């Protein structure tokens, strides 16, 4: 019976908005998103500079921590390159 039971997987989601008006702004945004992906997040494009970001983990606390860490890395990177970034959690 234990072979048929699957461990519960928690997915935490949010919305990440990144903007850069630098001449190489596309490369800056790509690098910021790579920071988030390297932290274990999955990123999808919404449109207009908005991205869906999600993390999976075994429990809610770990998923939220991973999501927060990934979004903070992306935002801090883009702010260091004189861009703007904001993160908001998805409503359940």
N, C-alpha and C. Protein backbone atom coordinates (compact mmCIF):
# COMPACT_ATOMS: atom_id res chain seq x y z
N UNK A 1 0.83 -1.19 0.00
CA UNK A 1 0.00 0.00 0.00
C UNK A 1 0.87 1.25 0.00
N UNK A 2 1.96 1.25 0.73
CA UNK A 2 2.82 2.43 0.79
C UNK A 2 3.45 2.74 -0.56
N UNK A 3 3.59 1.75 -1.42
CA UNK A 3 4.14 1.99 -2.75
C UNK A 3 3.21 2.84 -3.61
N UNK A 4 1.94 2.75 -3.35
CA UNK A 4 0.97 3.49 -4.16
C UNK A 4 0.72 4.91 -3.65
N UNK A 5 1.12 5.21 -2.43
CA UNK A 5 0.93 6.56 -1.89
C UNK A 5 2.05 7.47 -2.37
N UNK A 6 1.68 8.64 -2.85
CA UNK A 6 2.66 9.61 -3.31
C UNK A 6 2.80 10.70 -2.26
N UNK A 7 4.01 11.18 -2.06
CA UNK A 7 4.17 12.28 -1.10
C UNK A 7 3.48 13.54 -1.63
N UNK A 8 2.96 14.32 -0.72
CA UNK A 8 2.26 15.55 -1.09
C UNK A 8 3.27 16.58 -1.59
N UNK A 9 2.92 17.24 -2.67
CA UNK A 9 3.78 18.28 -3.24
C UNK A 9 3.04 19.61 -3.17
N UNK A 10 3.67 20.59 -2.57
CA UNK A 10 3.08 21.92 -2.42
C UNK A 10 3.70 22.84 -3.47
N UNK A 11 2.86 23.57 -4.18
CA UNK A 11 3.33 24.53 -5.18
C UNK A 11 2.97 25.93 -4.70
N UNK A 12 3.96 26.78 -4.60
CA UNK A 12 3.75 28.16 -4.19
C UNK A 12 3.98 29.05 -5.42
N UNK A 13 3.04 29.97 -5.68
CA UNK A 13 3.10 30.78 -6.89
C UNK A 13 3.06 32.26 -6.57
N UNK A 14 3.58 33.03 -7.50
CA UNK A 14 3.54 34.48 -7.37
C UNK A 14 3.73 35.15 -8.71
N UNK A 15 3.67 36.48 -8.69
CA UNK A 15 3.84 37.28 -9.90
C UNK A 15 5.03 38.20 -9.70
N UNK A 16 5.93 38.17 -10.68
CA UNK A 16 7.15 38.96 -10.62
C UNK A 16 7.13 39.94 -11.79
N UNK A 17 7.29 41.23 -11.50
CA UNK A 17 7.32 42.26 -12.54
C UNK A 17 8.71 42.86 -12.54
N UNK A 18 9.39 42.76 -13.69
CA UNK A 18 10.75 43.27 -13.84
C UNK A 18 10.79 44.28 -14.97
N UNK A 19 11.47 45.43 -14.73
CA UNK A 19 11.60 46.45 -15.76
C UNK A 19 13.02 47.00 -15.74
N UNK A 20 13.55 47.24 -16.93
CA UNK A 20 14.85 47.87 -17.07
C UNK A 20 14.81 48.76 -18.30
N UNK A 21 15.24 50.00 -18.15
CA UNK A 21 15.25 50.94 -19.26
C UNK A 21 16.67 51.16 -19.78
N UNK A 22 17.58 50.30 -19.39
CA UNK A 22 18.97 50.39 -19.85
C UNK A 22 19.04 49.99 -21.33
N UNK A 23 20.08 50.43 -22.03
CA UNK A 23 20.23 50.04 -23.44
C UNK A 23 20.28 48.52 -23.63
N UNK A 24 20.83 47.81 -22.66
CA UNK A 24 20.87 46.34 -22.72
C UNK A 24 19.85 45.75 -21.76
N UNK A 25 18.68 46.37 -21.68
CA UNK A 25 17.66 45.99 -20.70
C UNK A 25 17.16 44.56 -20.85
N UNK A 26 17.07 44.07 -22.08
CA UNK A 26 16.60 42.69 -22.28
C UNK A 26 17.58 41.71 -21.65
N UNK A 27 18.86 41.97 -21.82
CA UNK A 27 19.87 41.08 -21.23
C UNK A 27 19.86 41.16 -19.71
N UNK A 28 19.59 42.33 -19.16
CA UNK A 28 19.51 42.50 -17.71
C UNK A 28 18.34 41.70 -17.15
N UNK A 29 17.18 41.78 -17.80
CA UNK A 29 16.00 41.03 -17.35
C UNK A 29 16.25 39.53 -17.48
N UNK A 30 16.86 39.10 -18.58
CA UNK A 30 17.18 37.68 -18.76
C UNK A 30 18.09 37.18 -17.65
N UNK A 31 19.10 37.98 -17.31
CA UNK A 31 20.03 37.58 -16.25
C UNK A 31 19.33 37.53 -14.90
N UNK A 32 18.41 38.45 -14.64
CA UNK A 32 17.65 38.45 -13.39
C UNK A 32 16.78 37.20 -13.30
N UNK A 33 16.14 36.83 -14.41
CA UNK A 33 15.31 35.63 -14.42
C UNK A 33 16.17 34.38 -14.25
N UNK A 34 17.38 34.40 -14.79
CA UNK A 34 18.29 33.26 -14.63
C UNK A 34 18.66 33.10 -13.15
N UNK A 35 18.79 34.20 -12.43
CA UNK A 35 19.06 34.14 -10.99
C UNK A 35 17.92 33.41 -10.28
N UNK A 36 16.69 33.70 -10.67
CA UNK A 36 15.53 33.06 -10.04
C UNK A 36 15.48 31.57 -10.39
N UNK A 37 15.75 31.23 -11.64
CA UNK A 37 15.72 29.83 -12.07
C UNK A 37 16.83 29.04 -11.38
N UNK A 38 17.99 29.65 -11.23
CA UNK A 38 19.11 28.97 -10.55
C UNK A 38 18.81 28.73 -9.07
N UNK A 39 17.86 29.50 -8.51
CA UNK A 39 17.46 29.31 -7.12
C UNK A 39 16.41 28.22 -6.96
N UNK A 40 15.99 27.62 -8.07
CA UNK A 40 15.03 26.52 -7.99
C UNK A 40 13.61 26.88 -8.35
N UNK A 41 13.40 28.05 -8.94
CA UNK A 41 12.05 28.47 -9.31
C UNK A 41 11.77 28.14 -10.77
N UNK A 42 10.50 28.05 -11.10
CA UNK A 42 10.07 27.89 -12.48
C UNK A 42 9.43 29.20 -12.90
N UNK A 43 9.86 29.73 -14.05
CA UNK A 43 9.40 31.04 -14.50
C UNK A 43 8.68 30.91 -15.83
N UNK A 44 7.52 31.58 -15.93
CA UNK A 44 6.75 31.63 -17.18
C UNK A 44 6.41 33.08 -17.47
N UNK A 45 6.32 33.43 -18.75
CA UNK A 45 6.06 34.80 -19.17
C UNK A 45 4.57 35.08 -19.25
N UNK A 46 4.10 36.16 -18.61
CA UNK A 46 2.71 36.60 -18.71
C UNK A 46 2.53 37.57 -19.86
N UNK A 47 3.42 38.54 -19.94
CA UNK A 47 3.34 39.59 -20.94
C UNK A 47 3.53 40.94 -20.28
N UNK A 48 4.10 41.88 -21.00
CA UNK A 48 4.28 43.23 -20.47
C UNK A 48 5.24 43.32 -19.31
N UNK A 49 6.25 42.47 -19.28
CA UNK A 49 7.24 42.51 -18.21
C UNK A 49 6.83 41.76 -16.96
N UNK A 50 5.73 41.02 -17.01
CA UNK A 50 5.25 40.26 -15.86
C UNK A 50 5.54 38.77 -16.07
N UNK A 51 5.94 38.12 -15.01
CA UNK A 51 6.31 36.71 -15.06
C UNK A 51 5.64 35.96 -13.93
N UNK A 52 5.19 34.74 -14.22
CA UNK A 52 4.66 33.85 -13.18
C UNK A 52 5.86 33.07 -12.65
N UNK A 53 6.00 33.04 -11.35
CA UNK A 53 7.11 32.34 -10.73
C UNK A 53 6.52 31.34 -9.73
N UNK A 54 7.03 30.11 -9.74
CA UNK A 54 6.51 29.09 -8.84
C UNK A 54 7.63 28.20 -8.33
N UNK A 55 7.43 27.67 -7.14
CA UNK A 55 8.37 26.75 -6.51
C UNK A 55 7.58 25.58 -5.92
N UNK A 56 8.18 24.41 -5.97
CA UNK A 56 7.55 23.22 -5.38
C UNK A 56 8.41 22.72 -4.23
N UNK A 57 7.75 22.16 -3.22
CA UNK A 57 8.46 21.62 -2.06
C UNK A 57 7.54 20.62 -1.35
N UNK A 58 8.09 19.99 -0.34
CA UNK A 58 7.35 18.99 0.41
C UNK A 58 6.33 19.57 1.37
N UNK A 59 6.57 20.80 1.83
CA UNK A 59 5.59 21.44 2.71
C UNK A 59 5.49 22.93 2.38
N UNK A 60 4.49 23.57 2.94
CA UNK A 60 4.17 24.96 2.61
C UNK A 60 5.31 25.91 2.99
N UNK A 61 5.89 25.68 4.15
CA UNK A 61 6.93 26.58 4.64
C UNK A 61 8.16 26.58 3.73
N UNK A 62 8.58 25.40 3.29
CA UNK A 62 9.73 25.30 2.39
C UNK A 62 9.42 25.93 1.03
N UNK A 63 8.21 25.73 0.53
CA UNK A 63 7.83 26.29 -0.77
C UNK A 63 7.82 27.82 -0.71
N UNK A 64 7.27 28.38 0.35
CA UNK A 64 7.25 29.83 0.51
C UNK A 64 8.65 30.40 0.64
N UNK A 65 9.52 29.71 1.38
CA UNK A 65 10.89 30.18 1.55
C UNK A 65 11.65 30.15 0.22
N UNK A 66 11.47 29.10 -0.56
CA UNK A 66 12.14 28.99 -1.85
C UNK A 66 11.64 30.07 -2.81
N UNK A 67 10.33 30.33 -2.80
CA UNK A 67 9.76 31.36 -3.66
C UNK A 67 10.26 32.74 -3.27
N UNK A 68 10.31 33.00 -2.00
CA UNK A 68 10.80 34.28 -1.51
C UNK A 68 12.27 34.48 -1.87
N UNK A 69 13.06 33.45 -1.69
CA UNK A 69 14.49 33.52 -2.00
C UNK A 69 14.72 33.78 -3.49
N UNK A 70 14.00 33.07 -4.34
CA UNK A 70 14.16 33.22 -5.79
C UNK A 70 13.74 34.62 -6.25
N UNK A 71 12.62 35.10 -5.74
CA UNK A 71 12.15 36.43 -6.17
C UNK A 71 13.08 37.52 -5.66
N UNK A 72 13.58 37.38 -4.44
CA UNK A 72 14.50 38.38 -3.90
C UNK A 72 15.80 38.43 -4.68
N UNK A 73 16.30 37.27 -5.12
CA UNK A 73 17.52 37.25 -5.93
C UNK A 73 17.31 37.99 -7.24
N UNK A 74 16.19 37.74 -7.91
CA UNK A 74 15.91 38.40 -9.18
C UNK A 74 15.75 39.91 -9.00
N UNK A 75 15.03 40.31 -7.96
CA UNK A 75 14.79 41.73 -7.72
C UNK A 75 16.08 42.44 -7.33
N UNK A 76 16.88 41.84 -6.47
CA UNK A 76 18.13 42.49 -6.07
C UNK A 76 19.09 42.61 -7.24
N UNK A 77 19.10 41.62 -8.13
CA UNK A 77 19.98 41.69 -9.30
C UNK A 77 19.55 42.82 -10.23
N UNK A 78 18.25 42.92 -10.51
CA UNK A 78 17.80 43.94 -11.45
C UNK A 78 17.92 45.34 -10.84
N UNK A 79 17.79 45.46 -9.52
CA UNK A 79 17.97 46.76 -8.88
C UNK A 79 19.44 47.17 -8.88
N UNK A 80 20.34 46.19 -8.83
CA UNK A 80 21.77 46.52 -8.89
C UNK A 80 22.15 47.03 -10.28
N UNK A 81 21.34 46.71 -11.29
CA UNK A 81 21.57 47.18 -12.66
C UNK A 81 20.66 48.36 -13.00
N UNK A 82 20.14 49.04 -12.00
CA UNK A 82 19.31 50.24 -12.12
C UNK A 82 17.96 49.98 -12.79
N UNK A 83 17.39 48.82 -12.52
CA UNK A 83 16.05 48.49 -12.99
C UNK A 83 15.10 48.46 -11.80
N UNK A 84 13.87 48.08 -12.06
CA UNK A 84 12.88 47.95 -10.98
C UNK A 84 12.27 46.56 -11.01
N UNK A 85 11.86 46.11 -9.85
CA UNK A 85 11.23 44.81 -9.73
C UNK A 85 10.28 44.79 -8.55
N UNK A 86 9.19 44.06 -8.71
CA UNK A 86 8.26 43.88 -7.60
C UNK A 86 7.66 42.49 -7.65
N UNK A 87 7.33 41.98 -6.48
CA UNK A 87 6.81 40.64 -6.36
C UNK A 87 5.52 40.67 -5.58
N UNK A 88 4.54 39.87 -6.03
CA UNK A 88 3.29 39.73 -5.27
C UNK A 88 2.90 38.25 -5.32
N UNK A 89 2.42 37.76 -4.19
CA UNK A 89 2.01 36.36 -4.12
C UNK A 89 0.66 36.17 -4.78
N UNK A 90 0.47 35.02 -5.39
CA UNK A 90 -0.81 34.70 -6.02
C UNK A 90 -1.83 34.39 -4.94
N UNK A 91 -3.06 34.85 -5.16
CA UNK A 91 -4.14 34.54 -4.22
C UNK A 91 -4.59 33.11 -4.43
N UNK A 92 -4.89 32.44 -3.34
CA UNK A 92 -5.32 31.03 -3.44
C UNK A 92 -6.76 30.90 -3.84
